[in-house]
């Protein structure tokens, strides 16, 4: 590596000002060759390991233990009448959350991305007039709201 280059500028009635510029690094990676080592384990052994893990009951994704699951059609007309045009979609999100917490008797309600995008699909001014949702309650009392399957 070389020492940084220095530029000197002079201004009237002042001392010279020096600016340091970093030296351009050399591209050492281009000159070196990369060596790829072959795999030591055959693919068959890894496939067997994956099968044994699946048999042991360890699921790669956590699934929710469903205690209660209900389908609701929620009318959102009230938000159109009462709320100003620029605040309708946030109001509808709150209304869906309140409706589900009231009917499923839960304190904690989470909404899926699909429901959120459905409520916001036409923007903040024109949310849907009604929506059909599927509410799933787990053993801890948490409710997750999904779109109803047609």
C-alpha atoms as a PDB file:
ATOM      1  CA  UNK A   1       0.000   0.000   0.000  1.00  0.00           C
ATOM      2  CA  UNK A   2       1.251   3.445  -0.778  1.00  0.00           C
ATOM      3  CA  UNK A   3       0.977   6.521   1.379  1.00  0.00           C
ATOM      4  CA  UNK A   4      -2.049   8.791   0.733  1.00  0.00           C
ATOM      5  CA  UNK A   5      -1.453  11.527  -1.779  1.00  0.00           C
ATOM      6  CA  UNK A   6      -1.689  15.106  -0.517  1.00  0.00           C
ATOM      7  CA  UNK A   7      -2.971  18.125  -2.380  1.00  0.00           C
ATOM      8  CA  UNK A   8      -2.106  21.600  -1.269  1.00  0.00           C
ATOM      9  CA  UNK A   9      -4.273  24.589  -1.981  1.00  0.00           C
ATOM     10  CA  UNK A  10      -3.405  28.144  -1.170  1.00  0.00           C
ATOM     11  CA  UNK A  11      -5.928  30.825  -0.479  1.00  0.00           C
ATOM     12  CA  UNK A  12      -5.178  34.531  -0.341  1.00  0.00           C
ATOM     13  CA  UNK A  13      -3.958  35.723   3.092  1.00  0.00           C
ATOM     14  CA  UNK A  14      -3.973  32.253   4.644  1.00  0.00           C
ATOM     15  CA  UNK A  15      -1.805  29.233   5.162  1.00  0.00           C
ATOM     16  CA  UNK A  16      -1.887  26.338   2.704  1.00  0.00           C
ATOM     17  CA  UNK A  17      -4.760  23.869   3.204  1.00  0.00           C
ATOM     18  CA  UNK A  18      -3.952  20.190   2.785  1.00  0.00           C
ATOM     19  CA  UNK A  19      -6.471  17.534   1.838  1.00  0.00           C
ATOM     20  CA  UNK A  20      -5.713  13.868   2.109  1.00  0.00           C
ATOM     21  CA  UNK A  21      -6.984  11.496  -0.562  1.00  0.00           C
ATOM     22  CA  UNK A  22      -6.875   7.792   0.141  1.00  0.00           C
ATOM     23  CA  UNK A  23      -4.669   5.854  -2.201  1.00  0.00           C
ATOM     24  CA  UNK A  24      -6.504   3.581  -4.607  1.00  0.00           C
ATOM     25  CA  UNK A  25      -6.393   0.018  -3.277  1.00  0.00           C
ATOM     26  CA  UNK A  26      -4.966  -2.656  -5.513  1.00  0.00           C
ATOM     27  CA  UNK A  27      -7.329  -5.299  -6.755  1.00  0.00           C
ATOM     28  CA  UNK A  28      -5.625  -8.328  -5.262  1.00  0.00           C
ATOM     29  CA  UNK A  29      -8.626 -10.624  -5.621  1.00  0.00           C
ATOM     30  CA  UNK A  30      -8.430 -10.540  -9.430  1.00  0.00           C
ATOM     31  CA  UNK A  31      -4.935 -12.003  -9.504  1.00  0.00           C
ATOM     32  CA  UNK A  32      -5.630 -14.862  -7.089  1.00  0.00           C
ATOM     33  CA  UNK A  33      -7.386 -18.000  -8.251  1.00  0.00           C
ATOM     34  CA  UNK A  34     -10.176 -19.449  -6.168  1.00  0.00           C
ATOM     35  CA  UNK A  35     -10.102 -23.143  -5.435  1.00  0.00           C
ATOM     36  CA  UNK A  36     -13.382 -24.984  -4.940  1.00  0.00           C
ATOM     37  CA  UNK A  37     -13.153 -28.032  -2.735  1.00  0.00           C
ATOM     38  CA  UNK A  38     -15.362 -31.021  -3.536  1.00  0.00           C
ATOM     39  CA  UNK A  39     -18.088 -31.994  -1.086  1.00  0.00           C
ATOM     40  CA  UNK A  40     -16.953 -34.585   1.423  1.00  0.00           C
ATOM     41  CA  UNK A  41     -20.411 -36.015   2.192  1.00  0.00           C
ATOM     42  CA  UNK A  42     -22.508 -37.646  -0.506  1.00  0.00           C
ATOM     43  CA  UNK A  43     -25.921 -36.138  -1.172  1.00  0.00           C
ATOM     44  CA  UNK A  44     -27.687 -39.368  -0.155  1.00  0.00           C
ATOM     45  CA  UNK A  45     -26.484 -39.098   3.445  1.00  0.00           C
ATOM     46  CA  UNK A  46     -27.798 -35.541   3.734  1.00  0.00           C
ATOM     47  CA  UNK A  47     -31.187 -36.597   2.369  1.00  0.00           C
ATOM     48  CA  UNK A  48     -31.356 -39.317   5.020  1.00  0.00           C
ATOM     49  CA  UNK A  49     -30.527 -36.781   7.750  1.00  0.00           C
ATOM     50  CA  UNK A  50     -33.357 -34.507   6.596  1.00  0.00           C
ATOM     51  CA  UNK A  51     -35.814 -37.410   6.613  1.00  0.00           C
ATOM     52  CA  UNK A  52     -34.814 -38.441  10.143  1.00  0.00           C
ATOM     53  CA  UNK A  53     -35.270 -34.865  11.385  1.00  0.00           C
ATOM     54  CA  UNK A  54     -38.740 -34.759   9.861  1.00  0.00           C
ATOM     55  CA  UNK A  55     -39.611 -38.077  11.496  1.00  0.00           C
ATOM     56  CA  UNK A  56     -38.534 -36.810  14.921  1.00  0.00           C
ATOM     57  CA  UNK A  57     -41.341 -34.248  14.805  1.00  0.00           C
ATOM     58  CA  UNK A  58     -39.280 -31.100  14.385  1.00  0.00           C
ATOM     59  CA  UNK A  59     -41.200 -28.979  11.915  1.00  0.00           C
ATOM     60  CA  UNK A  60     -39.196 -26.347  10.041  1.00  0.00           C
ATOM     61  CA  UNK A  61     -42.041 -23.828  10.386  1.00  0.00           C
ATOM     62  CA  UNK A  62     -44.057 -23.257  13.511  1.00  0.00           C
ATOM     63  CA  UNK A  63     -47.704 -24.021  13.096  1.00  0.00           C
ATOM     64  CA  UNK A  64     -50.355 -22.421  15.244  1.00  0.00           C
ATOM     65  CA  UNK A  65     -52.350 -24.683  17.527  1.00  0.00           C
ATOM     66  CA  UNK A  66     -55.859 -23.683  16.566  1.00  0.00           C
ATOM     67  CA  UNK A  67     -58.311 -23.489  19.438  1.00  0.00           C
ATOM     68  CA  UNK A  68     -61.081 -21.669  17.607  1.00  0.00           C
ATOM     69  CA  UNK A  69     -61.606 -20.616  13.989  1.00  0.00           C
ATOM     70  CA  UNK A  70     -64.532 -18.545  12.706  1.00  0.00           C
ATOM     71  CA  UNK A  71     -65.491 -16.798   9.470  1.00  0.00           C
ATOM     72  CA  UNK A  72     -67.049 -13.343   9.656  1.00  0.00           C
ATOM     73  CA  UNK A  73     -68.387 -10.933   7.059  1.00  0.00           C
ATOM     74  CA  UNK A  74     -67.691  -7.482   8.453  1.00  0.00           C
ATOM     75  CA  UNK A  75     -69.667  -4.499   7.202  1.00  0.00           C
ATOM     76  CA  UNK A  76     -67.483  -1.416   6.877  1.00  0.00           C
ATOM     77  CA  UNK A  77     -70.184   1.018   5.694  1.00  0.00           C
ATOM     78  CA  UNK A  78     -69.988   2.942   8.936  1.00  0.00           C
ATOM     79  CA  UNK A  79     -66.485   4.157   8.046  1.00  0.00           C
ATOM     80  CA  UNK A  80     -67.819   5.623   4.787  1.00  0.00           C
ATOM     81  CA  UNK A  81     -70.548   7.603   6.559  1.00  0.00           C
ATOM     82  CA  UNK A  82     -68.800   8.846   9.684  1.00  0.00           C
ATOM     83  CA  UNK A  83     -65.146   9.245   8.711  1.00  0.00           C
ATOM     84  CA  UNK A  84     -63.643  11.965   6.497  1.00  0.00           C
ATOM     85  CA  UNK A  85     -62.415  10.754   3.123  1.00  0.00           C
ATOM     86  CA  UNK A  86     -58.706  10.995   3.983  1.00  0.00           C
ATOM     87  CA  UNK A  87     -58.958   8.810   7.101  1.00  0.00           C
ATOM     88  CA  UNK A  88     -61.150   5.921   5.960  1.00  0.00           C
ATOM     89  CA  UNK A  89     -58.617   3.116   5.480  1.00  0.00           C
ATOM     90  CA  UNK A  90     -56.970   3.507   8.918  1.00  0.00           C
ATOM     91  CA  UNK A  91     -60.462   3.629  10.448  1.00  0.00           C
ATOM     92  CA  UNK A  92     -61.432   0.430   8.631  1.00  0.00           C
ATOM     93  CA  UNK A  93     -58.302  -1.331   9.923  1.00  0.00           C
ATOM     94  CA  UNK A  94     -59.203  -0.317  13.485  1.00  0.00           C
ATOM     95  CA  UNK A  95     -62.832  -1.386  12.968  1.00  0.00           C
ATOM     96  CA  UNK A  96     -61.817  -4.862  11.741  1.00  0.00           C
ATOM     97  CA  UNK A  97     -59.431  -5.253  14.673  1.00  0.00           C
ATOM     98  CA  UNK A  98     -62.111  -4.138  17.180  1.00  0.00           C
ATOM     99  CA  UNK A  99     -64.785  -6.355  15.605  1.00  0.00           C
ATOM    100  CA  UNK A 100     -62.605  -9.453  15.786  1.00  0.00           C
ATOM    101  CA  UNK A 101     -61.434  -8.762  19.340  1.00  0.00           C
ATOM    102  CA  UNK A 102     -65.040  -8.250  20.453  1.00  0.00           C
ATOM    103  CA  UNK A 103     -66.402 -11.393  18.788  1.00  0.00           C
ATOM    104  CA  UNK A 104     -63.464 -13.711  19.548  1.00  0.00           C
ATOM    105  CA  UNK A 105     -63.060 -12.343  23.116  1.00  0.00           C
ATOM    106  CA  UNK A 106     -59.344 -11.648  22.692  1.00  0.00           C
ATOM    107  CA  UNK A 107     -57.096  -8.805  23.751  1.00  0.00           C
ATOM    108  CA  UNK A 108     -54.361  -9.343  21.154  1.00  0.00           C
ATOM    109  CA  UNK A 109     -55.356  -9.324  17.472  1.00  0.00           C
ATOM    110  CA  UNK A 110     -52.864  -9.555  14.597  1.00  0.00           C
ATOM    111  CA  UNK A 111     -53.821  -8.951  10.985  1.00  0.00           C
ATOM    112  CA  UNK A 112     -52.175 -10.784   8.098  1.00  0.00           C
ATOM    113  CA  UNK A 113     -50.566  -8.944   5.222  1.00  0.00           C
ATOM    114  CA  UNK A 114     -53.285 -10.193   2.857  1.00  0.00           C
ATOM    115  CA  UNK A 115     -56.059  -8.559   4.904  1.00  0.00           C
ATOM    116  CA  UNK A 116     -54.075  -5.351   5.233  1.00  0.00           C
ATOM    117  CA  UNK A 117     -53.447  -5.162   1.492  1.00  0.00           C
ATOM    118  CA  UNK A 118     -57.122  -5.919   0.797  1.00  0.00           C
ATOM    119  CA  UNK A 119     -58.211  -3.050   3.047  1.00  0.00           C
ATOM    120  CA  UNK A 120     -55.707  -0.654   1.463  1.00  0.00           C
ATOM    121  CA  UNK A 121     -56.096  -1.944  -2.126  1.00  0.00           C
ATOM    122  CA  UNK A 122     -58.018   1.100  -3.387  1.00  0.00           C
ATOM    123  CA  UNK A 123     -56.124   3.625  -1.301  1.00  0.00           C
ATOM    124  CA  UNK A 124     -56.916   5.634   1.798  1.00  0.00           C
ATOM    125  CA  UNK A 125     -60.101   7.188   0.381  1.00  0.00           C
ATOM    126  CA  UNK A 126     -62.020   4.107  -0.802  1.00  0.00           C
ATOM    127  CA  UNK A 127     -61.687   1.032   1.421  1.00  0.00           C
ATOM    128  CA  UNK A 128     -64.055  -1.893   0.734  1.00  0.00           C
ATOM    129  CA  UNK A 129     -67.659  -1.665   1.969  1.00  0.00           C
ATOM    130  CA  UNK A 130     -67.477  -5.141   3.486  1.00  0.00           C
ATOM    131  CA  UNK A 131     -64.897  -7.887   3.874  1.00  0.00           C
ATOM    132  CA  UNK A 132     -65.048 -11.581   4.718  1.00  0.00           C
ATOM    133  CA  UNK A 133     -62.359 -12.717   7.129  1.00  0.00           C
ATOM    134  CA  UNK A 134     -61.236 -15.912   8.856  1.00  0.00           C
ATOM    135  CA  UNK A 135     -60.241 -15.404  12.509  1.00  0.00           C
ATOM    136  CA  UNK A 136     -57.979 -18.044  14.080  1.00  0.00           C
ATOM    137  CA  UNK A 137     -57.444 -18.136  17.849  1.00  0.00           C
ATOM    138  CA  UNK A 138     -54.455 -20.034  19.257  1.00  0.00           C
ATOM    139  CA  UNK A 139     -54.050 -21.590  22.705  1.00  0.00           C
ATOM    140  CA  UNK A 140     -52.411 -18.440  24.097  1.00  0.00           C
ATOM    141  CA  UNK A 141     -55.435 -16.302  23.238  1.00  0.00           C
ATOM    142  CA  UNK A 142     -53.881 -14.469  20.303  1.00  0.00           C
ATOM    143  CA  UNK A 143     -56.120 -14.032  17.259  1.00  0.00           C
ATOM    144  CA  UNK A 144     -54.777 -13.794  13.704  1.00  0.00           C
ATOM    145  CA  UNK A 145     -57.050 -12.508  10.955  1.00  0.00           C
ATOM    146  CA  UNK A 146     -56.735 -14.019   7.454  1.00  0.00           C
ATOM    147  CA  UNK A 147     -58.841 -13.554   4.322  1.00  0.00           C
ATOM    148  CA  UNK A 148     -61.671 -16.080   4.006  1.00  0.00           C
ATOM    149  CA  UNK A 149     -61.079 -18.811   1.451  1.00  0.00           C
ATOM    150  CA  UNK A 150     -63.704 -18.764  -1.269  1.00  0.00           C
END
